[in-house]
Amino acid sequence: MPCPSPVARHIKTYEEAARRGRNALENYIRFAREDGKPLPTPRTFAHATN
């Protein structure tokens, strides 16, 4: 299966992917606060069971 994103091809480990994801969320929160925009309401999702 081809890689879905050119960026994903450069991520070698789960830890790197998690670090990049956390960084993206931190930046999103910071910029939203700087711009005076509200953050989305947190949501939770139930796990599907068989």
PDB file of N, CA and C in Angstrom:
ATOM      1  N   MET A   1       0.855  -1.181   0.000  1.00  0.00           N
ATOM      2  CA  MET A   1       0.000   0.000   0.000  1.00  0.00           C
ATOM      3  C   MET A   1       0.893   1.235   0.000  1.00  0.00           C
ATOM      4  N   PRO A   2       0.657   2.182  -0.875  1.00  0.00           N
ATOM      5  CA  PRO A   2       1.487   3.388  -0.905  1.00  0.00           C
ATOM      6  C   PRO A   2       1.291   4.233   0.346  1.00  0.00           C
ATOM      7  N   CYS A   3       2.333   4.941   0.697  1.00  0.00           N
ATOM      8  CA  CYS A   3       2.286   5.820   1.868  1.00  0.00           C
ATOM      9  C   CYS A   3       1.297   6.954   1.600  1.00  0.00           C
ATOM     10  N   PRO A   4       0.412   7.275   2.558  1.00  0.00           N
ATOM     11  CA  PRO A   4      -0.618   8.286   2.322  1.00  0.00           C
ATOM     12  C   PRO A   4      -0.099   9.721   2.222  1.00  0.00           C
ATOM     13  N   SER A   5       1.071   9.974   2.756  1.00  0.00           N
ATOM     14  CA  SER A   5       1.554  11.352   2.795  1.00  0.00           C
ATOM     15  C   SER A   5       3.060  11.381   2.590  1.00  0.00           C
ATOM     16  N   PRO A   6       3.564  12.352   1.831  1.00  0.00           N
ATOM     17  CA  PRO A   6       5.021  12.464   1.694  1.00  0.00           C
ATOM     18  C   PRO A   6       5.706  12.692   3.033  1.00  0.00           C
ATOM     19  N   VAL A   7       5.043  13.404   3.950  1.00  0.00           N
ATOM     20  CA  VAL A   7       5.623  13.652   5.271  1.00  0.00           C
ATOM     21  C   VAL A   7       5.755  12.352   6.038  1.00  0.00           C
ATOM     22  N   ALA A   8       4.748  11.495   5.956  1.00  0.00           N
ATOM     23  CA  ALA A   8       4.768  10.237   6.705  1.00  0.00           C
ATOM     24  C   ALA A   8       5.940   9.361   6.298  1.00  0.00           C
ATOM     25  N   ARG A   9       6.424   9.479   5.093  1.00  0.00           N
ATOM     26  CA  ARG A   9       7.560   8.673   4.636  1.00  0.00           C
ATOM     27  C   ARG A   9       8.833   8.990   5.407  1.00  0.00           C
ATOM     28  N   HIS A  10       8.917  10.172   5.995  1.00  0.00           N
ATOM     29  CA  HIS A  10      10.121  10.592   6.696  1.00  0.00           C
ATOM     30  C   HIS A  10      10.065  10.297   8.190  1.00  0.00           C
ATOM     31  N   ILE A  11       8.953   9.837   8.685  1.00  0.00           N
ATOM     32  CA  ILE A  11       8.815   9.511  10.098  1.00  0.00           C
ATOM     33  C   ILE A  11       9.214   8.056  10.276  1.00  0.00           C
ATOM     34  N   LYS A  12      10.273   7.839  11.041  1.00  0.00           N
ATOM     35  CA  LYS A  12      10.853   6.503  11.160  1.00  0.00           C
ATOM     36  C   LYS A  12      10.316   5.699  12.339  1.00  0.00           C
ATOM     37  N   THR A  13       9.871   6.372  13.396  1.00  0.00           N
ATOM     38  CA  THR A  13       9.461   5.642  14.600  1.00  0.00           C
ATOM     39  C   THR A  13       8.124   6.168  15.126  1.00  0.00           C
ATOM     40  N   TYR A  14       7.500   5.343  15.932  1.00  0.00           N
ATOM     41  CA  TYR A  14       6.268   5.756  16.603  1.00  0.00           C
ATOM     42  C   TYR A  14       6.542   6.963  17.494  1.00  0.00           C
ATOM     43  N   GLU A  15       7.675   6.945  18.183  1.00  0.00           N
ATOM     44  CA  GLU A  15       8.009   8.044  19.097  1.00  0.00           C
ATOM     45  C   GLU A  15       8.127   9.371  18.349  1.00  0.00           C
ATOM     46  N   GLU A  16       8.730   9.334  17.166  1.00  0.00           N
ATOM     47  CA  GLU A  16       8.850  10.557  16.373  1.00  0.00           C
ATOM     48  C   GLU A  16       7.476  11.038  15.919  1.00  0.00           C
ATOM     49  N   ALA A  17       6.620  10.118  15.505  1.00  0.00           N
ATOM     50  CA  ALA A  17       5.265  10.491  15.088  1.00  0.00           C
ATOM     51  C   ALA A  17       4.496  11.104  16.253  1.00  0.00           C
ATOM     52  N   ALA A  18       4.627  10.495  17.437  1.00  0.00           N
ATOM     53  CA  ALA A  18       3.940  11.020  18.618  1.00  0.00           C
ATOM     54  C   ALA A  18       4.473  12.400  18.981  1.00  0.00           C
ATOM     55  N   ARG A  19       5.788  12.586  18.888  1.00  0.00           N
ATOM     56  CA  ARG A  19       6.396  13.884  19.207  1.00  0.00           C
ATOM     57  C   ARG A  19       5.909  14.965  18.237  1.00  0.00           C
ATOM     58  N   ARG A  20       5.854  14.618  16.954  1.00  0.00           N
ATOM     59  CA  ARG A  20       5.373  15.587  15.956  1.00  0.00           C
ATOM     60  C   ARG A  20       3.891  15.912  16.169  1.00  0.00           C
ATOM     61  N   GLY A  21       3.111  14.911  16.517  1.00  0.00           N
ATOM     62  CA  GLY A  21       1.696  15.148  16.782  1.00  0.00           C
ATOM     63  C   GLY A  21       1.493  16.053  17.974  1.00  0.00           C
ATOM     64  N   ARG A  22       2.253  15.790  19.032  1.00  0.00           N
ATOM     65  CA  ARG A  22       2.151  16.626  20.230  1.00  0.00           C
ATOM     66  C   ARG A  22       2.558  18.063  19.915  1.00  0.00           C
ATOM     67  N   ASN A  23       3.626  18.220  19.150  1.00  0.00           N
ATOM     68  CA  ASN A  23       4.088  19.547  18.760  1.00  0.00           C
ATOM     69  C   ASN A  23       3.022  20.277  17.949  1.00  0.00           C
ATOM     70  N   ALA A  24       2.376  19.565  17.035  1.00  0.00           N
ATOM     71  CA  ALA A  24       1.320  20.181  16.218  1.00  0.00           C
ATOM     72  C   ALA A  24       0.166  20.649  17.091  1.00  0.00           C
ATOM     73  N   LEU A  25      -0.231  19.821  18.064  1.00  0.00           N
ATOM     74  CA  LEU A  25      -1.328  20.214  18.963  1.00  0.00           C
ATOM     75  C   LEU A  25      -0.931  21.403  19.833  1.00  0.00           C
ATOM     76  N   GLU A  26       0.291  21.401  20.353  1.00  0.00           N
ATOM     77  CA  GLU A  26       0.750  22.525  21.172  1.00  0.00           C
ATOM     78  C   GLU A  26       0.739  23.823  20.374  1.00  0.00           C
ATOM     79  N   ASN A  27       1.194  23.757  19.130  1.00  0.00           N
ATOM     80  CA  ASN A  27       1.184  24.960  18.285  1.00  0.00           C
ATOM     81  C   ASN A  27      -0.238  25.416  17.975  1.00  0.00           C
ATOM     82  N   TYR A  28      -1.122  24.473  17.696  1.00  0.00           N
ATOM     83  CA  TYR A  28      -2.525  24.816  17.423  1.00  0.00           C
ATOM     84  C   TYR A  28      -3.117  25.565  18.616  1.00  0.00           C
ATOM     85  N   ILE A  29      -2.892  25.042  19.807  1.00  0.00           N
ATOM     86  CA  ILE A  29      -3.426  25.672  21.022  1.00  0.00           C
ATOM     87  C   ILE A  29      -2.816  27.052  21.217  1.00  0.00           C
ATOM     88  N   ARG A  30      -1.511  27.160  21.044  1.00  0.00           N
ATOM     89  CA  ARG A  30      -0.834  28.444  21.246  1.00  0.00           C
ATOM     90  C   ARG A  30      -1.345  29.502  20.275  1.00  0.00           C
ATOM     91  N   PHE A  31      -1.435  29.142  18.987  1.00  0.00           N
ATOM     92  CA  PHE A  31      -1.894  30.120  17.995  1.00  0.00           C
ATOM     93  C   PHE A  31      -3.360  30.491  18.198  1.00  0.00           C
ATOM     94  N   ALA A  32      -4.177  29.530  18.578  1.00  0.00           N
ATOM     95  CA  ALA A  32      -5.588  29.841  18.833  1.00  0.00           C
ATOM     96  C   ALA A  32      -5.702  30.835  19.985  1.00  0.00           C
ATOM     97  N   ARG A  33      -4.931  30.603  21.041  1.00  0.00           N
ATOM     98  CA  ARG A  33      -4.967  31.528  22.187  1.00  0.00           C
ATOM     99  C   ARG A  33      -4.451  32.910  21.799  1.00  0.00           C
ATOM    100  N   GLU A  34      -3.359  32.950  21.041  1.00  0.00           N
ATOM    101  CA  GLU A  34      -2.810  34.249  20.611  1.00  0.00           C
ATOM    102  C   GLU A  34      -3.805  35.018  19.748  1.00  0.00           C
ATOM    103  N   ASP A  35      -4.582  34.299  18.936  1.00  0.00           N
ATOM    104  CA  ASP A  35      -5.563  34.937  18.057  1.00  0.00           C
ATOM    105  C   ASP A  35      -6.915  35.152  18.742  1.00  0.00           C
ATOM    106  N   GLY A  36      -7.025  34.730  19.996  1.00  0.00           N
ATOM    107  CA  GLY A  36      -8.275  34.906  20.723  1.00  0.00           C
ATOM    108  C   GLY A  36      -9.389  33.983  20.252  1.00  0.00           C
ATOM    109  N   LYS A  37      -9.027  32.872  19.619  1.00  0.00           N
ATOM    110  CA  LYS A  37     -10.036  31.931  19.126  1.00  0.00           C
ATOM    111  C   LYS A  37     -10.264  30.845  20.168  1.00  0.00           C
ATOM    112  N   PRO A  38     -11.512  30.417  20.318  1.00  0.00           N
ATOM    113  CA  PRO A  38     -11.780  29.364  21.301  1.00  0.00           C
ATOM    114  C   PRO A  38     -11.283  28.006  20.797  1.00  0.00           C
ATOM    115  N   LEU A  39     -10.919  27.172  21.739  1.00  0.00           N
ATOM    116  CA  LEU A  39     -10.537  25.806  21.395  1.00  0.00           C
ATOM    117  C   LEU A  39     -11.800  24.961  21.281  1.00  0.00           C
ATOM    118  N   PRO A  40     -11.769  23.925  20.461  1.00  0.00           N
ATOM    119  CA  PRO A  40     -12.944  23.054  20.361  1.00  0.00           C
ATOM    120  C   PRO A  40     -13.231  22.380  21.704  1.00  0.00           C
ATOM    121  N   THR A  41     -14.477  22.078  21.930  1.00  0.00           N
ATOM    122  CA  THR A  41     -14.865  21.358  23.137  1.00  0.00           C
ATOM    123  C   THR A  41     -14.297  19.945  23.075  1.00  0.00           C
ATOM    124  N   PRO A  42     -13.626  19.493  24.148  1.00  0.00           N
ATOM    125  CA  PRO A  42     -13.082  18.131  24.139  1.00  0.00           C
ATOM    126  C   PRO A  42     -14.197  17.098  23.979  1.00  0.00           C
ATOM    127  N   ARG A  43     -13.905  16.049  23.244  1.00  0.00           N
ATOM    128  CA  ARG A  43     -14.870  14.967  23.045  1.00  0.00           C
ATOM    129  C   ARG A  43     -14.182  13.648  23.350  1.00  0.00           C
ATOM    130  N   THR A  44     -14.954  12.686  23.764  1.00  0.00           N
ATOM    131  CA  THR A  44     -14.433  11.338  23.965  1.00  0.00           C
ATOM    132  C   THR A  44     -15.219  10.388  23.078  1.00  0.00           C
ATOM    133  N   PHE A  45     -14.595   9.308  22.722  1.00  0.00           N
ATOM    134  CA  PHE A  45     -15.216   8.323  21.856  1.00  0.00           C
ATOM    135  C   PHE A  45     -15.159   6.963  22.533  1.00  0.00           C
ATOM    136  N   ALA A  46     -16.266   6.264  22.527  1.00  0.00           N
ATOM    137  CA  ALA A  46     -16.302   4.910  23.096  1.00  0.00           C
ATOM    138  C   ALA A  46     -15.650   3.945  22.114  1.00  0.00           C
ATOM    139  N   HIS A  47     -14.968   2.965  22.660  1.00  0.00           N
ATOM    140  CA  HIS A  47     -14.365   1.929  21.812  1.00  0.00           C
ATOM    141  C   HIS A  47     -15.444   0.998  21.306  1.00  0.00           C
ATOM    142  N   ALA A  48     -15.298   0.580  20.090  1.00  0.00           N
ATOM    143  CA  ALA A  48     -16.240  -0.380  19.516  1.00  0.00           C
ATOM    144  C   ALA A  48     -15.990  -1.744  20.160  1.00  0.00           C
ATOM    145  N   THR A  49     -17.028  -2.433  20.471  1.00  0.00           N
ATOM    146  CA  THR A  49     -16.909  -3.786  21.019  1.00  0.00           C
ATOM    147  C   THR A  49     -17.628  -4.758  20.126  1.00  0.00           C
ATOM    148  N   ASN A  50     -17.144  -5.959  20.113  1.00  0.00           N
ATOM    149  CA  ASN A  50     -17.772  -6.992  19.276  1.00  0.00           C
ATOM    150  C   ASN A  50     -18.776  -7.776  20.084  1.00  0.00           C
TER     151      ASN A  50
END
